[in-house]
Amino acid sequence: MDNTNIGHHISGQFNKELEDIRNHVLTMGGMVEEQIELAIKAFTTTDQELAEQVIKKDNQIDALEIALDRECMQILALRQPTAFDLRLLLTVLKIINELERVGDLAEHIAKMAIYLSDMEGNKNDPPYYEIQHMADLVKDMLHDALDAFARMTIEQVSAITGKDENVDREYASIIRQQITYMMEDPRNITRTLNVLWTVRSLERIGDHACNICEHLVYMIKGEDVRHISHAELERKLKGE
């Protein structure tokens, strides 16, 4: 774990405050990752009880975001940080917002699972192999983005954000497949809409993972790389 930018302050308490905040972000990230895992399991198995657990736990993520937001604001007011420390705190504020939104998307997937579990005949529906594969892709992206934050490195940012193209292809493929199901039998419409909302949520989780990477580049390099192409991002990371 690269802590070269943390731990060089005269105040040992300030060092501890920054490290605590970073650890709390990772704790929140772990909670969100678990929510995604459980939500997808609930959806693919139509497990209503598991889905309800996901929905209930979303309040914990919301509470942690509020607590971290308060911690950051207190340090900004009392310590008046500059340079890297300031960018670190601003990045934390942005990352916890991204994570809270991912938590909301996991909750949304869980609600779709409940809708499906209430539908007659869902036990005979085909397995959700494509959705599970797409979910694995976005989970890996989010995990790697959080790992990069933990290690304070941007070496893997290009590889992580590059996976978003794979997610988009999976998303488009599933949409085409589901539209075909609707056209073949109108009775599939309700189920298909639930599936479409779910894969849309997964696609958005991939976007939030990319956003975390962009915030991380700002923290490390002090450069705003939002709203640029992946090719341009690669050039900036290489210093070109």
C-alpha atoms as a PDB file:
ATOM      1  CA  MET A   1       0.000   0.000   0.000  1.00  0.00           C
ATOM      2  CA  ASP A   2       1.528   3.271  -1.134  1.00  0.00           C
ATOM      3  CA  ASN A   3       1.183   5.858   1.615  1.00  0.00           C
ATOM      4  CA  THR A   4       3.883   8.208   0.347  1.00  0.00           C
ATOM      5  CA  ASN A   5       1.493  11.161   0.392  1.00  0.00           C
ATOM      6  CA  ILE A   6       0.046  10.370   3.811  1.00  0.00           C
ATOM      7  CA  GLY A   7       1.908  10.495   7.092  1.00  0.00           C
ATOM      8  CA  HIS A   8       4.279  13.433   6.556  1.00  0.00           C
ATOM      9  CA  HIS A   9       2.512  16.031   8.649  1.00  0.00           C
ATOM     10  CA  ILE A  10       3.792  17.611  11.806  1.00  0.00           C
ATOM     11  CA  SER A  11       0.502  16.732  13.483  1.00  0.00           C
ATOM     12  CA  GLY A  12       0.218  13.014  14.131  1.00  0.00           C
ATOM     13  CA  GLN A  13      -3.486  13.502  14.784  1.00  0.00           C
ATOM     14  CA  PHE A  14      -3.935  14.951  11.275  1.00  0.00           C
ATOM     15  CA  ASN A  15      -2.206  11.883   9.816  1.00  0.00           C
ATOM     16  CA  LYS A  16      -4.555   9.620  11.750  1.00  0.00           C
ATOM     17  CA  GLU A  17      -7.630  11.563  10.658  1.00  0.00           C
ATOM     18  CA  LEU A  18      -6.724  11.218   6.981  1.00  0.00           C
ATOM     19  CA  GLU A  19      -5.914   7.523   7.295  1.00  0.00           C
ATOM     20  CA  ASP A  20      -9.147   6.864   9.204  1.00  0.00           C
ATOM     21  CA  ILE A  21     -11.176   8.544   6.499  1.00  0.00           C
ATOM     22  CA  ARG A  22      -9.489   6.513   3.795  1.00  0.00           C
ATOM     23  CA  ASN A  23     -10.166   3.301   5.705  1.00  0.00           C
ATOM     24  CA  HIS A  24     -13.789   4.274   6.208  1.00  0.00           C
ATOM     25  CA  VAL A  25     -14.175   4.787   2.452  1.00  0.00           C
ATOM     26  CA  LEU A  26     -12.859   1.277   1.886  1.00  0.00           C
ATOM     27  CA  THR A  27     -15.279  -0.057   4.497  1.00  0.00           C
ATOM     28  CA  MET A  28     -18.139   1.626   2.670  1.00  0.00           C
ATOM     29  CA  GLY A  29     -16.837   0.218  -0.606  1.00  0.00           C
ATOM     30  CA  GLY A  30     -16.816  -3.285   0.831  1.00  0.00           C
ATOM     31  CA  MET A  31     -20.405  -2.896   1.978  1.00  0.00           C
ATOM     32  CA  VAL A  32     -21.473  -1.734  -1.467  1.00  0.00           C
ATOM     33  CA  GLU A  33     -19.679  -4.628  -3.160  1.00  0.00           C
ATOM     34  CA  GLU A  34     -21.530  -7.042  -0.898  1.00  0.00           C
ATOM     35  CA  GLN A  35     -24.837  -5.347  -1.730  1.00  0.00           C
ATOM     36  CA  ILE A  36     -24.229  -5.856  -5.444  1.00  0.00           C
ATOM     37  CA  GLU A  37     -23.342  -9.505  -4.908  1.00  0.00           C
ATOM     38  CA  LEU A  38     -26.466 -10.170  -2.855  1.00  0.00           C
ATOM     39  CA  ALA A  39     -28.752  -8.195  -5.160  1.00  0.00           C
ATOM     40  CA  ILE A  40     -27.641 -10.120  -8.236  1.00  0.00           C
ATOM     41  CA  LYS A  41     -27.993 -13.415  -6.392  1.00  0.00           C
ATOM     42  CA  ALA A  42     -31.496 -12.408  -5.336  1.00  0.00           C
ATOM     43  CA  PHE A  43     -32.368 -11.476  -8.912  1.00  0.00           C
ATOM     44  CA  THR A  44     -31.003 -14.585 -10.605  1.00  0.00           C
ATOM     45  CA  THR A  45     -32.589 -16.912  -8.033  1.00  0.00           C
ATOM     46  CA  THR A  46     -35.762 -14.827  -7.450  1.00  0.00           C
ATOM     47  CA  ASP A  47     -34.989 -14.944  -3.732  1.00  0.00           C
ATOM     48  CA  GLN A  48     -37.381 -12.417  -2.209  1.00  0.00           C
ATOM     49  CA  GLU A  49     -36.039 -12.746   1.320  1.00  0.00           C
ATOM     50  CA  LEU A  50     -32.491 -12.007   0.177  1.00  0.00           C
ATOM     51  CA  ALA A  51     -33.699  -9.049  -1.876  1.00  0.00           C
ATOM     52  CA  GLU A  52     -35.424  -7.592   1.168  1.00  0.00           C
ATOM     53  CA  GLN A  53     -32.163  -7.868   3.116  1.00  0.00           C
ATOM     54  CA  VAL A  54     -30.421  -5.810   0.444  1.00  0.00           C
ATOM     55  CA  ILE A  55     -33.085  -3.118   0.608  1.00  0.00           C
ATOM     56  CA  LYS A  56     -32.901  -2.885   4.399  1.00  0.00           C
ATOM     57  CA  LYS A  57     -29.102  -2.608   4.430  1.00  0.00           C
ATOM     58  CA  ASP A  58     -29.138   0.378   2.062  1.00  0.00           C
ATOM     59  CA  ASN A  59     -29.844   2.605   5.052  1.00  0.00           C
ATOM     60  CA  GLN A  60     -26.450   1.637   6.510  1.00  0.00           C
ATOM     61  CA  ILE A  61     -24.677   2.811   3.361  1.00  0.00           C
ATOM     62  CA  ASP A  62     -26.608   6.091   3.398  1.00  0.00           C
ATOM     63  CA  ALA A  63     -25.687   6.639   7.050  1.00  0.00           C
ATOM     64  CA  LEU A  64     -22.008   5.960   6.366  1.00  0.00           C
ATOM     65  CA  GLU A  65     -21.996   8.464   3.511  1.00  0.00           C
ATOM     66  CA  ILE A  66     -23.416  11.132   5.812  1.00  0.00           C
ATOM     67  CA  ALA A  67     -20.867  10.336   8.525  1.00  0.00           C
ATOM     68  CA  LEU A  68     -17.943  10.464   6.106  1.00  0.00           C
ATOM     69  CA  ASP A  69     -19.217  13.678   4.587  1.00  0.00           C
ATOM     70  CA  ARG A  70     -19.300  15.194   8.079  1.00  0.00           C
ATOM     71  CA  GLU A  71     -15.769  13.983   8.851  1.00  0.00           C
ATOM     72  CA  CYS A  72     -14.383  15.508   5.671  1.00  0.00           C
ATOM     73  CA  MET A  73     -16.114  18.821   6.247  1.00  0.00           C
ATOM     74  CA  GLN A  74     -14.777  18.980   9.789  1.00  0.00           C
ATOM     75  CA  ILE A  75     -11.193  18.425   8.617  1.00  0.00           C
ATOM     76  CA  LEU A  76     -11.600  20.979   5.828  1.00  0.00           C
ATOM     77  CA  ALA A  77     -12.810  23.544   8.374  1.00  0.00           C
ATOM     78  CA  LEU A  78     -10.314  22.815  11.153  1.00  0.00           C
ATOM     79  CA  ARG A  79      -7.160  21.794   9.262  1.00  0.00           C
ATOM     80  CA  GLN A  80      -7.536  23.938   6.141  1.00  0.00           C
ATOM     81  CA  PRO A  81      -5.554  21.405   4.064  1.00  0.00           C
ATOM     82  CA  THR A  82      -3.760  22.286   0.841  1.00  0.00           C
ATOM     83  CA  ALA A  83      -2.245  20.476  -2.143  1.00  0.00           C
ATOM     84  CA  PHE A  84      -2.553  16.670  -1.999  1.00  0.00           C
ATOM     85  CA  ASP A  85      -4.434  16.636   1.318  1.00  0.00           C
ATOM     86  CA  LEU A  86      -7.092  18.921  -0.104  1.00  0.00           C
ATOM     87  CA  ARG A  87      -7.411  16.809  -3.254  1.00  0.00           C
ATOM     88  CA  LEU A  88      -7.653  13.669  -1.109  1.00  0.00           C
ATOM     89  CA  LEU A  89     -10.583  15.040   0.876  1.00  0.00           C
ATOM     90  CA  LEU A  90     -12.356  16.343  -2.222  1.00  0.00           C
ATOM     91  CA  THR A  91     -11.858  12.970  -3.882  1.00  0.00           C
ATOM     92  CA  VAL A  92     -13.258  11.147  -0.852  1.00  0.00           C
ATOM     93  CA  LEU A  93     -16.376  13.330  -0.991  1.00  0.00           C
ATOM     94  CA  LYS A  94     -16.845  12.420  -4.646  1.00  0.00           C
ATOM     95  CA  ILE A  95     -16.107   8.713  -4.201  1.00  0.00           C
ATOM     96  CA  ILE A  96     -18.544   8.232  -1.324  1.00  0.00           C
ATOM     97  CA  ASN A  97     -21.209   9.879  -3.471  1.00  0.00           C
ATOM     98  CA  GLU A  98     -20.444   7.408  -6.266  1.00  0.00           C
ATOM     99  CA  LEU A  99     -20.631   4.518  -3.797  1.00  0.00           C
ATOM    100  CA  GLU A 100     -23.937   5.712  -2.360  1.00  0.00           C
ATOM    101  CA  ARG A 101     -25.384   5.764  -5.863  1.00  0.00           C
ATOM    102  CA  VAL A 102     -24.087   2.256  -6.527  1.00  0.00           C
ATOM    103  CA  GLY A 103     -25.798   1.174  -3.323  1.00  0.00           C
ATOM    104  CA  ASP A 104     -29.043   2.672  -4.608  1.00  0.00           C
ATOM    105  CA  LEU A 105     -28.642   0.732  -7.858  1.00  0.00           C
ATOM    106  CA  ALA A 106     -28.119  -2.496  -5.908  1.00  0.00           C
ATOM    107  CA  GLU A 107     -31.316  -1.707  -4.006  1.00  0.00           C
ATOM    108  CA  HIS A 108     -33.103  -1.163  -7.310  1.00  0.00           C
ATOM    109  CA  ILE A 109     -31.943  -4.567  -8.585  1.00  0.00           C
ATOM    110  CA  ALA A 110     -33.226  -6.132  -5.375  1.00  0.00           C
ATOM    111  CA  LYS A 111     -36.637  -4.537  -5.943  1.00  0.00           C
ATOM    112  CA  MET A 112     -36.684  -5.995  -9.454  1.00  0.00           C
ATOM    113  CA  ALA A 113     -35.954  -9.390  -7.889  1.00  0.00           C
ATOM    114  CA  ILE A 114     -39.029  -9.021  -5.681  1.00  0.00           C
ATOM    115  CA  TYR A 115     -41.196  -8.117  -8.662  1.00  0.00           C
ATOM    116  CA  LEU A 116     -39.972 -11.200 -10.520  1.00  0.00           C
ATOM    117  CA  SER A 117     -40.526 -13.461  -7.523  1.00  0.00           C
ATOM    118  CA  ASP A 118     -44.180 -12.364  -7.433  1.00  0.00           C
ATOM    119  CA  MET A 119     -44.757 -13.235 -11.090  1.00  0.00           C
ATOM    120  CA  GLU A 120     -46.399 -16.524 -11.955  1.00  0.00           C
ATOM    121  CA  GLY A 121     -44.302 -18.872 -14.042  1.00  0.00           C
ATOM    122  CA  ASN A 122     -40.941 -17.213 -13.274  1.00  0.00           C
ATOM    123  CA  LYS A 123     -39.554 -20.555 -12.079  1.00  0.00           C
ATOM    124  CA  ASN A 124     -39.583 -21.743 -15.693  1.00  0.00           C
ATOM    125  CA  ASP A 125     -37.794 -18.703 -17.063  1.00  0.00           C
ATOM    126  CA  PRO A 126     -34.396 -19.318 -18.647  1.00  0.00           C
ATOM    127  CA  PRO A 127     -31.354 -18.775 -16.381  1.00  0.00           C
ATOM    128  CA  TYR A 128     -29.795 -15.336 -16.376  1.00  0.00           C
ATOM    129  CA  TYR A 129     -26.326 -16.325 -17.571  1.00  0.00           C
ATOM    130  CA  GLU A 130     -25.765 -13.117 -19.540  1.00  0.00           C
ATOM    131  CA  ILE A 131     -26.838 -10.922 -16.647  1.00  0.00           C
ATOM    132  CA  GLN A 132     -24.574 -12.802 -14.241  1.00  0.00           C
ATOM    133  CA  HIS A 133     -21.639 -12.337 -16.624  1.00  0.00           C
ATOM    134  CA  MET A 134     -22.335  -8.615 -16.945  1.00  0.00           C
ATOM    135  CA  ALA A 135     -22.627  -8.364 -13.170  1.00  0.00           C
ATOM    136  CA  ASP A 136     -19.236 -10.054 -12.768  1.00  0.00           C
ATOM    137  CA  LEU A 137     -17.696  -7.488 -15.119  1.00  0.00           C
ATOM    138  CA  VAL A 138     -18.974  -4.451 -13.231  1.00  0.00           C
ATOM    139  CA  LYS A 139     -18.157  -5.992  -9.845  1.00  0.00           C
ATOM    140  CA  ASP A 140     -14.572  -6.491 -10.991  1.00  0.00           C
ATOM    141  CA  MET A 141     -14.393  -2.892 -12.206  1.00  0.00           C
ATOM    142  CA  LEU A 142     -15.644  -1.516  -8.904  1.00  0.00           C
ATOM    143  CA  HIS A 143     -13.384  -3.781  -6.856  1.00  0.00           C
ATOM    144  CA  ASP A 144     -10.310  -2.818  -8.885  1.00  0.00           C
ATOM    145  CA  ALA A 145     -11.191   0.896  -8.648  1.00  0.00           C
ATOM    146  CA  LEU A 146     -11.430   0.644  -4.859  1.00  0.00           C
ATOM    147  CA  ASP A 147      -8.190  -1.337  -4.755  1.00  0.00           C
ATOM    148  CA  ALA A 148      -6.478   1.436  -6.712  1.00  0.00           C
ATOM    149  CA  PHE A 149      -7.775   3.949  -4.173  1.00  0.00           C
ATOM    150  CA  ALA A 150      -6.518   1.768  -1.313  1.00  0.00           C
ATOM    151  CA  ARG A 151      -3.039   1.572  -2.857  1.00  0.00           C
ATOM    152  CA  MET A 152      -3.048   5.221  -3.978  1.00  0.00           C
ATOM    153  CA  THR A 153      -2.060   4.288  -7.506  1.00  0.00           C
ATOM    154  CA  ILE A 154      -3.377   5.021 -10.989  1.00  0.00           C
ATOM    155  CA  GLU A 155      -1.388   2.301 -12.766  1.00  0.00           C
ATOM    156  CA  GLN A 156      -4.514   0.217 -13.446  1.00  0.00           C
ATOM    157  CA  VAL A 157      -6.905   3.073 -14.233  1.00  0.00           C
ATOM    158  CA  SER A 158      -6.650   2.654 -18.007  1.00  0.00           C
ATOM    159  CA  ALA A 159      -7.295  -1.096 -17.770  1.00  0.00           C
ATOM    160  CA  ILE A 160     -10.270  -0.601 -15.458  1.00  0.00           C
ATOM    161  CA  THR A 161     -11.960   2.078 -17.544  1.00  0.00           C
ATOM    162  CA  GLY A 162     -11.206   0.113 -20.708  1.00  0.00           C
ATOM    163  CA  LYS A 163     -13.485  -2.668 -19.448  1.00  0.00           C
ATOM    164  CA  ASP A 164     -16.441  -0.318 -19.737  1.00  0.00           C
ATOM    165  CA  GLU A 165     -16.576  -1.043 -23.471  1.00  0.00           C
ATOM    166  CA  ASN A 166     -17.105  -4.727 -22.679  1.00  0.00           C
ATOM    167  CA  VAL A 167     -19.905  -3.801 -20.298  1.00  0.00           C
ATOM    168  CA  ASP A 168     -21.568  -1.663 -22.945  1.00  0.00           C
ATOM    169  CA  ARG A 169     -21.390  -4.516 -25.458  1.00  0.00           C
ATOM    170  CA  GLU A 170     -22.949  -6.913 -22.942  1.00  0.00           C
ATOM    171  CA  TYR A 171     -25.643  -4.348 -22.229  1.00  0.00           C
ATOM    172  CA  ALA A 172     -26.516  -3.919 -25.914  1.00  0.00           C
ATOM    173  CA  SER A 173     -26.564  -7.690 -26.447  1.00  0.00           C
ATOM    174  CA  ILE A 174     -28.951  -8.301 -23.549  1.00  0.00           C
ATOM    175  CA  ILE A 175     -31.251  -5.512 -24.727  1.00  0.00           C
ATOM    176  CA  ARG A 176     -31.498  -7.076 -28.197  1.00  0.00           C
ATOM    177  CA  GLN A 177     -32.186 -10.466 -26.642  1.00  0.00           C
ATOM    178  CA  GLN A 178     -34.918  -9.153 -24.355  1.00  0.00           C
ATOM    179  CA  ILE A 179     -36.626  -7.219 -27.143  1.00  0.00           C
ATOM    180  CA  THR A 180     -36.782 -10.461 -29.100  1.00  0.00           C
ATOM    181  CA  TYR A 181     -38.486 -12.155 -26.149  1.00  0.00           C
ATOM    182  CA  MET A 182     -41.100  -9.393 -26.018  1.00  0.00           C
ATOM    183  CA  MET A 183     -41.811  -9.632 -29.733  1.00  0.00           C
ATOM    184  CA  GLU A 184     -42.188 -13.422 -29.555  1.00  0.00           C
ATOM    185  CA  ASP A 185     -44.731 -13.353 -26.740  1.00  0.00           C
ATOM    186  CA  PRO A 186     -46.435 -10.263 -25.236  1.00  0.00           C
ATOM    187  CA  ARG A 187     -46.721 -12.170 -21.957  1.00  0.00           C
ATOM    188  CA  ASN A 188     -42.972 -11.652 -21.583  1.00  0.00           C
ATOM    189  CA  ILE A 189     -43.270  -7.864 -21.521  1.00  0.00           C
ATOM    190  CA  THR A 190     -43.458  -7.345 -17.745  1.00  0.00           C
ATOM    191  CA  ARG A 191     -40.623  -9.749 -17.040  1.00  0.00           C
ATOM    192  CA  THR A 192     -38.527  -8.252 -19.836  1.00  0.00           C
ATOM    193  CA  LEU A 193     -38.964  -4.718 -18.540  1.00  0.00           C
ATOM    194  CA  ASN A 194     -37.706  -5.831 -15.131  1.00  0.00           C
ATOM    195  CA  VAL A 195     -34.670  -7.412 -16.770  1.00  0.00           C
ATOM    196  CA  LEU A 196     -34.000  -4.260 -18.812  1.00  0.00           C
ATOM    197  CA  TRP A 197     -34.146  -2.069 -15.694  1.00  0.00           C
ATOM    198  CA  THR A 198     -31.726  -4.437 -13.989  1.00  0.00           C
ATOM    199  CA  VAL A 199     -29.123  -4.467 -16.771  1.00  0.00           C
ATOM    200  CA  ARG A 200     -29.426  -0.680 -16.978  1.00  0.00           C
ATOM    201  CA  SER A 201     -28.533  -0.542 -13.277  1.00  0.00           C
ATOM    202  CA  LEU A 202     -25.522  -2.789 -13.900  1.00  0.00           C
ATOM    203  CA  GLU A 203     -24.378  -0.576 -16.756  1.00  0.00           C
ATOM    204  CA  ARG A 204     -24.587   2.450 -14.472  1.00  0.00           C
ATOM    205  CA  ILE A 205     -22.509   0.665 -11.813  1.00  0.00           C
ATOM    206  CA  GLY A 206     -19.770   0.272 -14.420  1.00  0.00           C
ATOM    207  CA  ASP A 207     -19.985   4.004 -15.125  1.00  0.00           C
ATOM    208  CA  HIS A 208     -19.627   4.807 -11.422  1.00  0.00           C
ATOM    209  CA  ALA A 209     -16.529   2.593 -11.240  1.00  0.00           C
ATOM    210  CA  CYS A 210     -15.045   4.625 -14.103  1.00  0.00           C
ATOM    211  CA  ASN A 211     -15.951   7.836 -12.293  1.00  0.00           C
ATOM    212  CA  ILE A 212     -14.076   6.644  -9.207  1.00  0.00           C
ATOM    213  CA  CYS A 213     -11.015   6.083 -11.392  1.00  0.00           C
ATOM    214  CA  GLU A 214     -11.303   9.597 -12.802  1.00  0.00           C
ATOM    215  CA  HIS A 215     -11.542  11.053  -9.291  1.00  0.00           C
ATOM    216  CA  LEU A 216      -8.459   9.047  -8.352  1.00  0.00           C
ATOM    217  CA  VAL A 217      -6.478  10.553 -11.252  1.00  0.00           C
ATOM    218  CA  TYR A 218      -7.438  13.998  -9.996  1.00  0.00           C
ATOM    219  CA  MET A 219      -6.258  13.102  -6.500  1.00  0.00           C
ATOM    220  CA  ILE A 220      -2.880  11.748  -7.645  1.00  0.00           C
ATOM    221  CA  LYS A 221      -2.062  14.027 -10.587  1.00  0.00           C
ATOM    222  CA  GLY A 222      -4.244  17.056  -9.928  1.00  0.00           C
ATOM    223  CA  GLU A 223      -5.775  16.740 -13.425  1.00  0.00           C
ATOM    224  CA  ASP A 224      -9.467  16.686 -14.240  1.00  0.00           C
ATOM    225  CA  VAL A 225      -9.948  13.848 -16.746  1.00  0.00           C
ATOM    226  CA  ARG A 226     -13.732  13.761 -16.791  1.00  0.00           C
ATOM    227  CA  HIS A 227     -15.548  13.891 -20.125  1.00  0.00           C
ATOM    228  CA  ILE A 228     -12.564  12.850 -22.240  1.00  0.00           C
ATOM    229  CA  SER A 229     -12.153   9.793 -24.449  1.00  0.00           C
ATOM    230  CA  HIS A 230     -10.443   6.663 -23.220  1.00  0.00           C
ATOM    231  CA  ALA A 231      -7.651   7.189 -25.731  1.00  0.00           C
ATOM    232  CA  GLU A 232      -7.019  10.698 -24.425  1.00  0.00           C
ATOM    233  CA  LEU A 233      -7.094   9.395 -20.853  1.00  0.00           C
ATOM    234  CA  GLU A 234      -4.392   6.866 -21.741  1.00  0.00           C
ATOM    235  CA  ARG A 235      -2.221   9.629 -23.210  1.00  0.00           C
ATOM    236  CA  LYS A 236      -2.580  11.754 -20.083  1.00  0.00           C
ATOM    237  CA  LEU A 237      -1.715   8.811 -17.829  1.00  0.00           C
ATOM    238  CA  LYS A 238       1.412   8.251 -19.881  1.00  0.00           C
ATOM    239  CA  GLY A 239       2.307  11.928 -19.543  1.00  0.00           C
ATOM    240  CA  GLU A 240       2.042  12.627 -23.272  1.00  0.00           C
END
